Protein backbone atom coordinates (compact mmCIF):
# COMPACT_ATOMS: atom_id res chain seq x y z
CA MET A 1 8.94 24.06 -13.95
CA SER A 2 10.66 21.45 -11.84
CA VAL A 3 9.75 18.02 -10.51
CA LEU A 4 10.62 16.12 -7.33
CA LEU A 5 9.73 12.44 -7.70
CA LEU A 6 9.83 9.93 -4.85
CA ALA A 7 11.47 6.67 -5.91
CA ASP A 8 9.68 3.44 -5.07
CA HIS A 9 12.00 0.62 -4.00
CA ASP A 10 11.91 -2.75 -2.31
CA LYS A 11 14.58 -5.13 -1.04
CA GLY A 12 17.30 -2.71 -2.09
CA GLU A 13 16.13 -2.49 -5.70
CA LEU A 14 14.39 0.27 -7.62
CA SER A 15 10.74 -0.57 -8.35
CA PRO A 16 9.66 -0.73 -12.02
CA SER A 17 6.96 1.82 -11.20
CA THR A 18 9.59 4.57 -10.88
CA ALA A 19 10.58 4.26 -14.55
CA ARG A 20 6.94 4.58 -15.53
CA LEU A 21 6.46 7.72 -13.44
CA VAL A 22 9.60 9.32 -14.87
CA ALA A 23 8.27 8.80 -18.40
CA ALA A 24 4.80 10.03 -17.43
CA VAL A 25 5.93 13.40 -16.02
CA SER A 26 8.88 14.10 -18.31
CA ALA A 27 6.97 16.96 -19.98
CA PHE A 28 6.68 18.83 -16.67
CA GLY A 29 10.34 19.80 -16.65
CA PRO A 30 13.64 18.63 -15.13
CA ILE A 31 13.08 15.63 -12.85
CA ASP A 32 14.96 15.12 -9.61
CA VAL A 33 14.41 11.68 -8.07
CA MET A 34 14.62 11.29 -4.29
CA VAL A 35 15.70 7.96 -2.77
CA VAL A 36 15.12 7.47 0.96
CA ALA A 37 16.65 4.23 2.24
CA ASP A 38 19.06 2.73 4.75
CA ASN A 39 21.48 2.04 1.88
CA PRO A 40 20.39 4.23 -1.04
CA ASP A 41 23.48 3.94 -3.29
CA ALA A 42 22.48 0.97 -5.48
CA ILE A 43 18.91 2.22 -5.80
CA ALA A 44 20.16 5.69 -6.74
CA ALA A 45 22.44 4.25 -9.43
CA ASN A 46 19.47 2.55 -11.10
CA ALA A 47 17.39 5.72 -10.85
CA ALA A 48 20.21 7.77 -12.39
CA ALA A 49 20.12 5.54 -15.46
CA LEU A 50 16.51 6.44 -16.31
CA ALA A 51 16.09 8.72 -19.32
CA GLY A 52 14.69 12.08 -18.27
CA VAL A 53 16.21 12.18 -14.78
CA SER A 54 18.29 15.30 -14.18
CA LYS A 55 19.59 14.41 -10.73
CA VAL A 56 19.14 11.81 -7.99
CA LEU A 57 18.97 12.95 -4.37
CA THR A 58 19.72 10.39 -1.68
CA VAL A 59 18.71 10.50 1.98
CA THR A 60 20.08 7.86 4.33
CA ALA A 61 17.24 7.03 6.70
CA GLN A 62 14.87 4.22 7.55
CA ASN A 63 12.15 3.87 4.95
CA THR A 64 9.29 4.72 7.31
CA SER A 65 6.39 6.97 6.33
CA GLU A 66 7.50 9.64 8.78
CA SER A 67 11.09 9.65 7.52
CA VAL A 68 10.05 9.76 3.87
CA THR A 69 7.58 12.59 4.53
CA ASN A 70 10.18 14.64 6.39
CA ALA A 71 12.75 14.07 3.63
CA LEU A 72 10.31 15.25 0.96
CA LEU A 73 9.27 18.20 3.11
CA SER A 74 12.88 19.34 3.45
CA ALA A 75 13.24 19.64 -0.33
CA ALA A 76 9.69 20.32 -1.59
CA GLY A 77 9.99 24.10 -1.41
CA ARG A 78 12.28 24.16 -4.46
CA TYR A 79 9.88 22.30 -6.77
CA GLN A 80 6.62 23.05 -8.54
CA TYR A 81 5.62 19.38 -8.71
CA VAL A 82 6.03 16.77 -5.97
CA ILE A 83 5.11 13.31 -7.27
CA ALA A 84 4.74 9.77 -5.96
CA SER A 85 3.18 6.56 -7.19
CA ALA A 86 -0.37 5.72 -6.14
CA ALA A 87 0.88 2.58 -4.40
CA SER A 88 1.18 1.78 -0.69
CA VAL A 89 4.04 4.20 0.08
CA GLY A 90 2.48 7.05 -1.87
CA LYS A 91 -0.91 6.50 -0.27
CA ASP A 92 0.73 6.69 3.15
CA VAL A 93 3.15 9.56 2.56
CA VAL A 94 1.22 11.97 0.33
CA PRO A 95 -1.64 12.76 2.78
CA ARG A 96 0.97 13.54 5.46
CA LEU A 97 2.88 15.77 3.06
CA ALA A 98 -0.31 17.46 1.87
CA ALA A 99 -1.18 18.41 5.44
CA ALA A 100 2.31 19.76 6.10
CA LEU A 101 2.36 21.82 2.88
CA ASP A 102 -1.33 22.81 3.07
CA ILE A 103 -1.88 21.53 -0.49
CA GLN A 104 -4.83 19.61 -1.91
CA PRO A 105 -3.31 16.56 -3.67
CA VAL A 106 -4.61 15.08 -6.92
CA THR A 107 -4.42 11.31 -6.63
CA ASP A 108 -4.66 8.19 -8.80
CA ILE A 109 -3.94 10.05 -12.05
CA ILE A 110 -4.16 7.84 -15.15
CA GLU A 111 -3.87 10.46 -17.90
CA ILE A 112 -2.18 13.85 -18.30
CA HIS A 113 -3.79 16.55 -20.48
CA GLY A 114 -1.54 19.46 -19.57
CA PRO A 115 0.55 21.01 -16.78
CA SER A 116 -2.44 21.19 -14.44
CA ARG A 117 -5.16 19.05 -16.07
CA PHE A 118 -5.50 15.36 -15.27
CA THR A 119 -7.89 12.40 -15.46
CA ARG A 120 -8.52 10.12 -12.49
CA PRO A 121 -11.07 7.37 -11.77
CA ILE A 122 -13.92 7.90 -9.30
CA TYR A 123 -16.80 5.80 -7.93
CA ALA A 124 -14.66 2.66 -7.67
CA GLY A 125 -13.54 3.09 -11.26
CA ASN A 126 -17.06 3.28 -12.69
CA ALA A 127 -16.47 6.83 -13.95
CA LEU A 128 -13.58 9.07 -14.91
CA GLU A 129 -13.24 12.72 -14.00
CA THR A 130 -10.99 15.35 -15.51
CA VAL A 131 -9.74 17.82 -12.93
CA VAL A 132 -7.85 21.11 -13.11
CA ASP A 133 -5.38 21.83 -10.32
CA PRO A 134 -4.99 25.65 -10.08
CA GLN A 135 -2.55 25.59 -7.14
CA PRO A 136 0.93 27.07 -7.67
CA LYS A 137 2.48 23.86 -6.31
CA HIS A 138 1.15 20.44 -7.36
CA LEU A 139 1.17 17.32 -5.19
CA LEU A 140 0.30 14.35 -7.41
CA THR A 141 0.14 10.56 -7.35
CA PHE A 142 0.00 8.45 -10.50
CA ARG A 143 -1.09 4.91 -11.25
CA ALA A 144 2.20 3.70 -12.64
CA SER A 145 0.55 0.84 -14.55
CA ALA A 146 -1.17 3.36 -16.83
CA PHE A 147 2.13 4.55 -18.34
CA ARG A 148 5.00 3.03 -20.31
CA PRO A 149 8.45 2.98 -18.63
CA ALA A 150 11.32 5.31 -19.43
CA ALA A 151 14.40 3.95 -21.17
CA SER A 152 17.60 3.25 -19.23
CA ASP A 153 20.17 5.21 -21.21
CA ASN A 154 21.09 8.02 -18.84
CA ALA A 155 23.83 8.84 -16.36
CA ALA A 156 22.41 11.52 -14.07
CA PRO A 157 24.51 12.80 -11.17
CA VAL A 158 23.80 11.55 -7.66
CA GLU A 159 23.81 14.01 -4.77
CA LYS A 160 23.73 13.04 -1.11
CA LEU A 161 21.54 15.29 1.01
CA ASP A 162 23.10 15.86 4.40
CA ILE A 163 19.94 16.39 6.38
CA SER A 164 18.82 15.10 9.75
CA ILE A 165 15.55 13.18 9.56
CA ALA A 166 13.72 13.04 12.86
CA SER A 167 11.27 10.17 13.24
CA ALA A 168 9.40 8.76 16.21
CA ALA A 169 8.72 5.56 14.25
CA ARG A 170 11.20 2.71 14.03
CA PHE A 171 11.20 -0.11 11.49
CA LEU A 172 11.13 -3.49 13.21
CA ALA A 173 10.57 -6.21 10.61
CA ALA A 174 9.14 -7.02 7.19
CA HIS A 175 6.96 -10.05 6.57
CA ARG A 176 6.62 -10.82 2.89
CA THR A 177 5.66 -13.55 0.45
CA ASP A 178 8.68 -14.58 -1.60
CA SER A 179 7.98 -14.86 -5.32
CA ASP A 180 9.95 -15.11 -8.55
CA THR A 181 7.07 -13.81 -10.69
CA PRO A 182 6.97 -10.30 -12.20
CA ASP A 183 5.66 -7.37 -10.18
CA LEU A 184 1.87 -7.52 -10.30
CA ALA A 185 1.31 -3.76 -10.61
CA THR A 186 3.58 -3.34 -13.66
CA ALA A 187 3.53 -6.76 -15.38
CA GLN A 188 2.65 -6.91 -19.08
CA ILE A 189 0.80 -10.21 -18.64
CA VAL A 190 -1.31 -10.99 -15.56
CA ILE A 191 -3.25 -14.15 -14.77
CA GLY A 192 -5.97 -13.78 -12.14
CA GLY A 193 -7.90 -16.49 -10.32
CA GLY A 194 -11.26 -16.28 -8.60
CA VAL A 195 -12.90 -18.14 -5.76
CA SER A 196 -14.13 -20.71 -8.31
CA VAL A 197 -10.59 -22.07 -8.44
CA GLY A 198 -11.64 -23.74 -5.21
CA SER A 199 -8.40 -24.13 -3.25
CA ALA A 200 -4.75 -23.18 -2.89
CA GLU A 201 -3.94 -26.38 -4.80
CA GLY A 202 -6.15 -25.17 -7.65
CA PHE A 203 -4.07 -22.01 -7.83
CA ARG A 204 -1.05 -24.19 -8.62
CA LEU A 205 -2.53 -24.59 -12.12
CA ILE A 206 -2.66 -20.81 -12.48
CA GLU A 207 0.91 -20.46 -11.20
CA LYS A 208 2.10 -23.05 -13.73
CA LEU A 209 0.44 -21.15 -16.58
CA GLY A 210 1.98 -17.96 -15.22
CA LYS A 211 5.49 -19.44 -15.33
CA THR A 212 4.88 -20.66 -18.87
CA LEU A 213 3.91 -17.16 -20.01
CA GLY A 214 6.30 -15.25 -17.74
CA ALA A 215 3.24 -13.62 -16.20
CA ALA A 216 2.38 -12.20 -12.80
CA VAL A 217 -0.29 -14.04 -10.82
CA GLY A 218 -3.16 -12.34 -9.01
CA ALA A 219 -6.45 -13.16 -7.33
CA THR A 220 -9.82 -11.70 -6.45
CA ARG A 221 -10.57 -10.53 -2.93
CA ALA A 222 -12.90 -13.52 -2.42
CA ALA A 223 -10.10 -15.93 -3.31
CA VAL A 224 -7.70 -14.16 -0.95
CA ASP A 225 -10.26 -14.09 1.87
CA ALA A 226 -10.83 -17.81 1.37
CA GLY A 227 -7.10 -18.44 1.88
CA TYR A 228 -6.46 -19.64 -1.67
CA ALA A 229 -3.92 -16.89 -2.44
CA PRO A 230 -1.73 -14.50 -0.40
CA ASN A 231 -2.83 -10.93 0.33
CA ASP A 232 -0.30 -9.34 -2.00
CA TRP A 233 -1.93 -11.10 -4.97
CA GLN A 234 -5.20 -9.24 -4.52
CA ILE A 235 -6.39 -7.28 -7.56
CA GLY A 236 -9.13 -4.69 -7.33
CA GLN A 237 -10.34 -1.55 -5.61
CA THR A 238 -8.92 -2.71 -2.26
CA GLY A 239 -5.93 -4.48 -3.81
CA LYS A 240 -3.53 -3.68 -6.64
CA ILE A 241 -4.54 -1.75 -9.74
CA ILE A 242 -3.21 -3.33 -12.93
CA ALA A 243 -3.02 -2.32 -16.58
CA PRO A 244 -1.32 -5.20 -18.42
CA ASP A 245 -1.26 -5.80 -22.16
CA LEU A 246 -3.05 -9.09 -21.47
CA TYR A 247 -5.20 -10.09 -18.50
CA ILE A 248 -6.27 -13.74 -18.27
CA ALA A 249 -9.20 -14.03 -15.84
CA ILE A 250 -9.84 -17.58 -14.65
CA GLY A 251 -13.02 -18.43 -12.76
CA ILE A 252 -13.78 -14.76 -12.05
CA SER A 253 -17.37 -13.54 -12.26
CA GLY A 254 -16.44 -9.86 -12.20
CA ALA A 255 -17.51 -7.99 -9.07
CA LEU A 256 -17.38 -4.20 -9.40
CA GLN A 257 -14.46 -3.98 -6.99
CA HIS A 258 -12.42 -6.34 -9.18
CA LEU A 259 -13.40 -4.64 -12.44
CA ALA A 260 -12.20 -1.34 -10.94
CA GLY A 261 -8.72 -2.84 -10.65
CA ILE A 262 -8.43 -4.15 -14.22
CA GLN A 263 -9.98 -1.36 -16.26
CA GLY A 264 -6.59 -0.46 -17.71
CA ALA A 265 -6.02 -3.91 -19.22
CA LYS A 266 -5.52 -3.72 -22.99
CA THR A 267 -6.89 -7.22 -23.72
CA ILE A 268 -9.00 -9.46 -21.45
CA PHE A 269 -9.21 -13.23 -21.94
CA ALA A 270 -11.77 -14.93 -19.69
CA ILE A 271 -12.18 -18.62 -18.79
CA ASN A 272 -15.48 -19.31 -17.08
CA THR A 273 -18.39 -21.75 -17.00
CA ASP A 274 -20.92 -18.89 -16.97
CA PRO A 275 -21.34 -17.06 -20.30
CA GLU A 276 -23.42 -14.40 -18.54
CA ALA A 277 -20.74 -13.46 -15.98
CA PRO A 278 -20.03 -9.68 -16.05
CA LEU A 279 -16.33 -10.18 -16.76
CA VAL A 280 -17.06 -12.62 -19.59
CA LYS A 281 -19.32 -10.02 -21.20
CA ILE A 282 -16.57 -7.37 -21.28
CA ALA A 283 -13.80 -9.80 -22.28
CA ASP A 284 -12.20 -9.56 -25.71
CA VAL A 285 -12.00 -13.37 -25.87
CA ALA A 286 -13.82 -15.92 -23.70
CA LEU A 287 -13.54 -19.67 -23.28
CA ILE A 288 -16.65 -21.21 -21.74
CA GLY A 289 -15.85 -24.40 -19.88
CA ASP A 290 -14.34 -26.06 -16.83
CA LEU A 291 -11.09 -24.34 -15.85
CA PHE A 292 -9.68 -27.63 -14.50
CA GLU A 293 -9.97 -29.11 -17.99
CA ILE A 294 -8.96 -26.01 -19.96
CA LEU A 295 -5.89 -24.89 -17.96
CA PRO A 296 -3.83 -28.11 -18.25
CA GLN A 297 -4.55 -28.26 -21.99
CA LEU A 298 -3.77 -24.59 -22.51
CA THR A 299 -0.51 -24.82 -20.57
CA ALA A 300 0.55 -27.97 -22.45
CA GLU A 301 -0.11 -26.37 -25.84
CA LEU A 302 1.83 -23.24 -24.91
CA GLU A 303 4.76 -25.35 -23.72
CA LYS A 304 4.74 -27.15 -27.07
CA LEU A 305 5.14 -23.77 -28.73
CA GLY A 306 8.26 -23.20 -26.64
CA LEU A 307 6.75 -20.46 -24.50
CA ASN A 308 7.72 -22.04 -21.20
CA ARG A 309 10.22 -19.78 -19.45
């Protein structure tokens, strides 16, 4: 068996999700990682350091969906498994690749039971299904947050693929929200705020607690729609799927779409005025009270313990 894994990267750096995918599929056989980028060398070097990687393949091309799909298509014939993360790039590229290869993909995998048996969520995360993929070639996407990352103690060779990637699309510009917080999809601690936070200024309290704990900061769709938080903070069925060791939910009632995005959280700590809120009921620990009174006190006590980072 052999594996071709598409590397996720951003701003010239390898995404943490790639290390998680490498660890997840290591039992499938030798793993070749493909990096498609304008300047792939630095990204490839980081990928080569991941334990379990046999080889890194680089393709110099713009990181558009069409270019990435064509790069994968040029190499896919040699592999039994073609794998990507179930994030924005994977969701864009894998359907294109599936059509070109005439393969039914298995998406959003959160657990592996064998070479062709997987578990994935359905019905907005309200149920789990175990599927068997009988196809000779497997096209899979994984929720990286559901797996632990691979170690960085390797020195795999890097091979440049000299292939011509035709693409009608051209990258023009990227518009992003700058942040110094951990990546939301792979962070070990996540703090989420709901529409009850009341304003963008209210989210400053959540950001301060996040910096104290070294946590990523997220928000519900309602809070994002209200303009309290940027789009890339959105957690849930239509946002980012998270599986942190600790999720602190502040002023969040717990709509089904949000619960679908946090079902992988190991421990949930809720702060809410409503003891009957759905998220409070499933929380491991809950503080019932006014978030504007609790957050400053909680942050101050944590700073006293020397947790401010």
